[in-house]
N, C-alpha and C. Protein backbone atom coordinates (compact mmCIF):
# COMPACT_ATOMS: atom_id res chain seq x y z
N MET A 1 1.02 -1.47 0.13
CA MET A 1 0.01 -0.20 -0.02
C MET A 1 1.19 1.12 0.22
N ASP A 2 0.31 2.32 -0.88
CA ASP A 2 1.15 3.49 -1.12
C ASP A 2 0.69 4.17 0.20
N LYS A 3 1.92 5.00 0.43
CA LYS A 3 2.06 5.73 1.92
C LYS A 3 2.00 7.19 1.24
N GLN A 4 0.53 7.84 2.14
CA GLN A 4 -0.05 9.42 1.57
C GLN A 4 0.94 10.08 2.06
N MET A 5 1.40 11.15 1.61
CA MET A 5 2.43 12.35 1.84
C MET A 5 1.68 13.17 2.66
N SER A 6 2.40 13.78 3.62
CA SER A 6 1.60 14.36 4.46
C SER A 6 1.66 15.72 4.10
N LEU A 7 0.81 16.89 4.91
CA LEU A 7 0.69 18.20 4.47
C LEU A 7 1.70 18.67 5.11
N SER A 8 2.91 18.78 5.54
CA SER A 8 4.44 19.47 6.15
C SER A 8 5.13 18.93 4.87
N GLY A 9 4.94 17.09 4.73
CA GLY A 9 5.69 17.06 3.16
C GLY A 9 5.42 18.02 2.30
N LEU A 10 3.69 18.23 2.43
CA LEU A 10 3.76 18.82 0.44
C LEU A 10 4.00 20.08 0.38
N SER A 11 3.92 20.78 1.07
CA SER A 11 4.32 22.13 1.96
C SER A 11 6.34 21.91 1.37
N ASP A 12 6.94 21.50 1.97
CA ASP A 12 8.47 21.58 1.76
C ASP A 12 8.99 21.43 0.56
N GLU A 13 7.95 20.36 -0.30
CA GLU A 13 8.22 20.12 -1.84
C GLU A 13 7.65 21.40 -2.51
N LEU A 14 6.16 22.06 -2.29
CA LEU A 14 6.03 22.78 -3.36
C LEU A 14 7.04 24.11 -2.69
N ALA A 15 7.80 24.68 -1.89
CA ALA A 15 8.75 25.30 -1.37
C ALA A 15 9.84 25.30 -2.34
N GLN A 16 10.25 24.07 -3.09
CA GLN A 16 11.19 23.56 -3.75
C GLN A 16 10.94 24.31 -5.22
N VAL A 17 9.73 24.40 -5.40
CA VAL A 17 9.64 24.10 -7.25
C VAL A 17 9.55 25.45 -7.57
N ARG A 18 10.46 25.82 -8.92
CA ARG A 18 10.82 26.87 -9.39
C ARG A 18 9.81 27.19 -10.38
N THR A 19 8.67 28.06 -9.93
CA THR A 19 8.31 28.88 -10.83
C THR A 19 8.60 30.32 -11.60
N LYS A 20 7.78 30.58 -12.77
CA LYS A 20 8.16 31.80 -13.50
C LYS A 20 8.05 32.95 -12.97
N LYS A 21 7.02 33.14 -11.66
CA LYS A 21 6.69 34.10 -10.36
C LYS A 21 7.85 34.16 -9.88
N LYS A 22 8.26 32.67 -9.26
CA LYS A 22 9.48 32.89 -8.51
C LYS A 22 10.54 33.50 -8.98
N GLU A 23 10.87 33.05 -10.07
CA GLU A 23 12.35 33.37 -11.00
C GLU A 23 11.69 35.09 -11.17
N PHE A 24 11.28 35.25 -11.50
CA PHE A 24 10.68 37.15 -11.56
C PHE A 24 10.87 38.10 -10.32
N LEU A 25 9.97 37.42 -9.36
CA LEU A 25 10.64 38.16 -7.99
C LEU A 25 12.21 37.75 -7.48
N ALA A 26 12.83 36.71 -7.92
CA ALA A 26 14.13 37.07 -7.67
C ALA A 26 14.61 38.00 -8.81
N LYS A 27 14.77 37.99 -9.62
CA LYS A 27 15.22 38.67 -10.12
C LYS A 27 14.84 40.78 -9.87
N ILE A 28 13.69 40.88 -9.14
CA ILE A 28 13.48 42.06 -8.99
C ILE A 28 14.17 42.27 -7.27
N GLU A 29 14.23 41.42 -6.41
CA GLU A 29 15.25 40.68 -5.19
C GLU A 29 16.39 41.54 -5.39
N ARG A 30 17.34 40.78 -6.84
CA ARG A 30 18.69 41.37 -7.09
C ARG A 30 19.14 42.54 -7.36
N ILE A 31 18.14 43.22 -8.18
CA ILE A 31 17.68 44.56 -9.07
C ILE A 31 17.45 45.49 -7.98
N VAL A 32 16.23 45.57 -6.98
CA VAL A 32 16.16 47.03 -6.47
C VAL A 32 17.36 47.05 -5.48
N PRO A 33 17.90 48.12 -5.06
CA PRO A 33 18.09 48.75 -4.08
C PRO A 33 17.60 49.08 -2.52
N TRP A 34 17.06 47.87 -1.96
CA TRP A 34 16.31 47.82 -0.97
C TRP A 34 17.07 48.77 0.31
N GLY A 35 17.52 48.85 0.11
CA GLY A 35 18.34 49.49 1.45
C GLY A 35 18.34 50.92 1.31
N GLU A 36 19.02 51.36 0.01
CA GLU A 36 18.67 53.03 -0.26
C GLU A 36 17.49 53.26 -0.82
N TRP A 37 16.69 52.59 -0.59
CA TRP A 37 15.09 52.65 -1.10
C TRP A 37 14.29 52.98 0.64
N ILE A 38 14.77 51.92 1.22
CA ILE A 38 14.42 52.51 2.61
C ILE A 38 14.77 53.53 3.10
N LYS A 39 15.98 54.07 3.28
CA LYS A 39 16.69 55.04 3.73
C LYS A 39 15.62 56.35 3.12
N LEU A 40 15.37 56.45 2.12
CA LEU A 40 14.44 57.49 1.24
C LEU A 40 13.30 57.82 2.09
N ILE A 41 12.41 56.76 2.29
CA ILE A 41 11.45 56.38 2.63
C ILE A 41 11.14 56.59 4.38
N ARG A 42 11.82 55.85 5.35
CA ARG A 42 12.27 56.13 6.28
C ARG A 42 11.26 57.65 7.49
N PRO A 43 12.50 58.45 6.52
CA PRO A 43 11.56 59.83 7.07
C PRO A 43 10.89 60.31 7.10
N CYS A 44 9.58 59.76 5.93
CA CYS A 44 8.36 60.17 5.52
C CYS A 44 7.40 59.38 6.86
N TYR A 45 8.09 58.05 6.40
CA TYR A 45 6.87 56.65 7.04
C TYR A 45 6.28 56.87 8.39
N TYR A 46 5.27 56.32 8.89
CA TYR A 46 4.17 56.42 9.69
C TYR A 46 5.05 55.60 11.10
N LYS A 47 5.39 56.46 12.16
CA LYS A 47 6.11 55.91 13.31
C LYS A 47 5.20 55.28 14.68
N GLY A 48 3.56 55.13 14.16
CA GLY A 48 2.72 55.21 14.79
C GLY A 48 2.81 54.93 16.60
N GLU A 49 3.30 56.16 16.37
CA GLU A 49 2.93 57.11 18.02
C GLU A 49 1.15 57.04 17.99
N ARG A 50 0.52 57.12 17.58
CA ARG A 50 -1.02 57.02 17.79
C ARG A 50 -1.70 56.03 16.87
N GLY A 51 -2.10 55.24 17.07
CA GLY A 51 -3.27 54.44 16.58
C GLY A 51 -2.95 53.10 16.30
N ASN A 52 -2.95 52.76 15.08
CA ASN A 52 -2.25 51.36 14.78
C ASN A 52 -1.01 51.07 14.95
N LYS A 53 -0.36 50.21 15.09
CA LYS A 53 1.20 49.79 15.07
C LYS A 53 1.32 49.52 13.74
N PRO A 54 2.53 50.43 13.05
CA PRO A 54 2.81 50.54 11.35
C PRO A 54 2.99 48.94 11.32
N TYR A 55 3.03 48.49 10.15
CA TYR A 55 3.69 47.40 9.21
C TYR A 55 5.30 48.27 9.23
N ASP A 56 5.73 47.05 8.91
CA ASP A 56 7.53 46.67 8.87
C ASP A 56 7.87 47.52 7.47
N LEU A 57 8.46 48.50 7.62
CA LEU A 57 8.61 49.66 6.08
C LEU A 57 9.16 48.69 4.55
N GLU A 58 9.94 47.75 5.09
CA GLU A 58 10.69 46.73 3.68
C GLU A 58 9.09 45.90 3.45
N ARG A 59 8.77 45.34 4.29
CA ARG A 59 7.43 44.74 4.14
C ARG A 59 6.61 44.91 3.13
N MET A 60 6.05 46.41 3.69
CA MET A 60 5.31 47.12 2.46
C MET A 60 5.88 47.74 1.61
N LEU A 61 7.29 48.08 1.65
CA LEU A 61 7.75 48.33 -0.08
C LEU A 61 7.51 47.51 -1.32
N ARG A 62 7.84 45.77 -0.40
CA ARG A 62 8.02 45.01 -1.05
C ARG A 62 6.42 44.49 -1.81
N ILE A 63 5.52 44.78 -0.53
CA ILE A 63 3.72 44.65 -0.66
C ILE A 63 3.17 45.47 -2.38
N TYR A 64 3.74 46.82 -1.98
CA TYR A 64 3.80 48.00 -2.87
C TYR A 64 4.25 47.72 -4.23
N MET A 65 5.50 47.17 -4.41
CA MET A 65 6.23 46.96 -5.77
C MET A 65 5.17 45.37 -6.49
N ILE A 66 4.90 44.37 -5.84
CA ILE A 66 4.04 43.49 -6.32
C ILE A 66 2.63 44.25 -6.63
N GLN A 67 1.85 45.05 -5.98
CA GLN A 67 0.34 45.65 -6.57
C GLN A 67 1.13 46.45 -7.86
N ASN A 68 2.13 46.91 -7.93
CA ASN A 68 2.32 47.95 -8.96
C ASN A 68 2.68 46.64 -10.25
N LEU A 69 3.56 45.92 -9.77
CA LEU A 69 4.47 44.85 -10.57
C LEU A 69 3.29 43.87 -11.58
N TYR A 70 2.10 43.88 -10.28
CA TYR A 70 1.05 43.23 -11.16
C TYR A 70 -0.17 43.60 -11.25
N ASN A 71 -0.07 45.31 -11.19
CA ASN A 71 -1.66 46.03 -12.13
C ASN A 71 -2.46 45.46 -11.22
N LEU A 72 -2.48 45.08 -9.59
CA LEU A 72 -3.34 44.40 -8.44
C LEU A 72 -3.96 45.67 -8.23
N SER A 73 -5.56 45.27 -7.42
CA SER A 73 -6.20 46.30 -6.61
C SER A 73 -5.63 45.86 -5.15
N ASP A 74 -5.84 47.00 -4.53
CA ASP A 74 -5.49 46.71 -2.54
C ASP A 74 -6.50 45.73 -2.15
N MET A 75 -7.37 44.68 -2.84
CA MET A 75 -8.22 43.48 -1.88
C MET A 75 -7.10 42.71 -2.85
N ALA A 76 -6.97 42.84 -4.53
CA ALA A 76 -6.50 41.69 -4.84
C ALA A 76 -4.76 41.43 -4.30
N THR A 77 -4.33 42.45 -3.99
CA THR A 77 -3.01 42.64 -3.36
C THR A 77 -2.40 41.71 -2.06
N VAL A 78 -3.95 41.74 -1.31
CA VAL A 78 -3.84 41.14 0.64
C VAL A 78 -3.98 39.69 -0.50
N ALA A 79 -4.68 39.56 -0.56
CA ALA A 79 -5.35 38.25 -1.57
C ALA A 79 -3.65 37.60 -2.21
N GLU A 80 -3.32 38.02 -2.82
CA GLU A 80 -2.00 37.32 -3.51
C GLU A 80 -1.17 37.36 -2.02
N VAL A 81 -1.28 37.97 -1.76
CA VAL A 81 -0.01 38.01 -1.04
C VAL A 81 -0.23 36.88 0.21
N ILE A 82 -1.42 36.77 0.45
CA ILE A 82 -1.59 35.57 1.35
C ILE A 82 -1.83 34.34 0.73
N ASP A 83 -2.17 33.95 -0.56
CA ASP A 83 -2.85 32.80 -1.25
C ASP A 83 -1.47 32.84 -2.31
N SER A 84 -0.01 33.32 -2.51
CA SER A 84 0.55 32.65 -3.02
C SER A 84 2.11 32.63 -2.69
N ARG A 85 2.24 31.37 -2.90
CA ARG A 85 3.67 31.13 -2.04
C ARG A 85 4.98 32.15 -2.55
N ALA A 86 4.89 32.49 -3.75
CA ALA A 86 5.80 33.22 -4.54
C ALA A 86 6.05 34.39 -3.55
N PHE A 87 4.94 34.75 -3.56
CA PHE A 87 4.86 36.74 -2.77
C PHE A 87 4.72 36.67 -1.43
N SER A 88 4.04 35.75 -1.06
CA SER A 88 3.82 36.05 0.72
C SER A 88 6.02 35.53 0.98
N ASP A 89 6.65 34.88 0.22
CA ASP A 89 7.81 34.44 0.28
C ASP A 89 8.98 36.06 0.00
N PHE A 90 8.62 36.59 -0.84
CA PHE A 90 9.57 37.31 -1.31
C PHE A 90 9.08 38.45 -0.40
N CYS A 91 7.68 38.89 0.18
CA CYS A 91 7.08 39.87 1.25
C CYS A 91 7.92 39.39 2.63
N GLY A 92 8.04 38.09 2.98
CA GLY A 92 8.81 37.63 4.18
C GLY A 92 7.59 37.70 4.76
N ILE A 93 6.41 37.23 4.98
CA ILE A 93 5.22 36.44 5.16
C ILE A 93 4.83 35.66 5.68
N GLU A 94 4.39 34.84 6.39
CA GLU A 94 3.99 33.42 6.96
C GLU A 94 2.71 33.37 6.04
N SER A 95 2.11 33.21 5.74
CA SER A 95 1.35 33.31 4.73
C SER A 95 0.07 32.39 5.55
N THR A 96 0.58 30.95 6.34
CA THR A 96 -0.70 31.13 7.51
C THR A 96 -1.06 31.90 8.74
N ALA A 97 -0.18 32.83 8.95
CA ALA A 97 -0.20 33.53 10.10
C ALA A 97 -0.30 35.00 10.25
N VAL A 98 -0.69 35.43 8.49
CA VAL A 98 -0.76 36.69 8.06
C VAL A 98 -1.77 37.61 8.97
N ASN A 99 -1.43 38.74 8.85
CA ASN A 99 -3.17 39.23 8.94
C ASN A 99 -2.63 41.11 8.78
N LEU A 100 -3.07 41.21 7.45
CA LEU A 100 -2.61 42.40 7.39
C LEU A 100 -4.53 43.07 6.90
N ARG A 101 -4.35 43.65 7.64
CA ARG A 101 -5.68 44.67 7.82
C ARG A 101 -6.01 46.03 7.62
N GLN A 102 -7.19 46.69 7.44
CA GLN A 102 -6.96 47.74 6.64
C GLN A 102 -6.74 48.15 4.80
N HIS A 103 -6.82 47.53 4.48
CA HIS A 103 -7.25 48.27 2.84
C HIS A 103 -6.99 49.13 2.52
N CYS A 104 -7.37 49.89 3.22
CA CYS A 104 -7.57 51.67 2.52
C CYS A 104 -6.12 51.73 3.54
N PHE A 105 -5.45 51.19 4.35
CA PHE A 105 -4.19 51.55 4.66
C PHE A 105 -2.91 51.38 3.19
N PHE A 106 -3.37 51.00 2.26
CA PHE A 106 -2.26 50.89 1.28
C PHE A 106 -2.53 52.14 0.32
N ARG A 107 -3.62 52.70 0.52
CA ARG A 107 -3.64 53.64 -0.41
C ARG A 107 -3.06 55.44 0.29
N HIS A 108 -2.65 54.98 1.49
CA HIS A 108 -2.00 56.21 2.17
C HIS A 108 -0.36 55.49 2.38
N TRP A 109 -0.32 53.92 1.99
CA TRP A 109 1.14 54.04 1.46
C TRP A 109 1.52 54.61 0.07
N GLU A 110 0.47 54.32 -0.70
CA GLU A 110 1.25 54.54 -2.22
C GLU A 110 0.69 56.22 -2.14
N SER A 111 -0.01 56.89 -1.33
CA SER A 111 0.21 58.46 -1.68
C SER A 111 1.93 58.71 -1.04
N LEU A 112 2.11 58.30 0.02
CA LEU A 112 3.08 57.87 1.19
C LEU A 112 4.80 58.19 -0.21
N VAL A 113 4.47 57.07 -0.76
CA VAL A 113 5.60 56.64 -1.88
C VAL A 113 5.43 57.23 -2.67
N THR A 114 4.19 58.01 -3.86
CA THR A 114 4.27 58.41 -4.38
C THR A 114 4.53 59.88 -4.33
N ARG A 115 5.12 60.87 -3.39
CA ARG A 115 4.95 62.02 -3.51
C ARG A 115 6.20 62.77 -3.80
């Protein structure tokens, strides 16, 4: 009788699969000067002095890149980051434990970055 693959084994196997999406995001990872961009944006970024705790700046920048590279709406971006292993790995998000609150925050982020 054949042994059934466990969910964790399947997850590990899927993590190793190379897709066009993963390859493209790996190229973006190499091309984009993340450190320089973060230094430019950090002085303007919300510090969380009142209200909700802000998201990590690099994570938001990566989500913003995905949204623009793939021409996604705010809601579609959140769904893709949660559902796509390539996107969640690129953004540094554990997709099973993700908590992306307030889709309207993306509009604020976009206005901040495009100033």
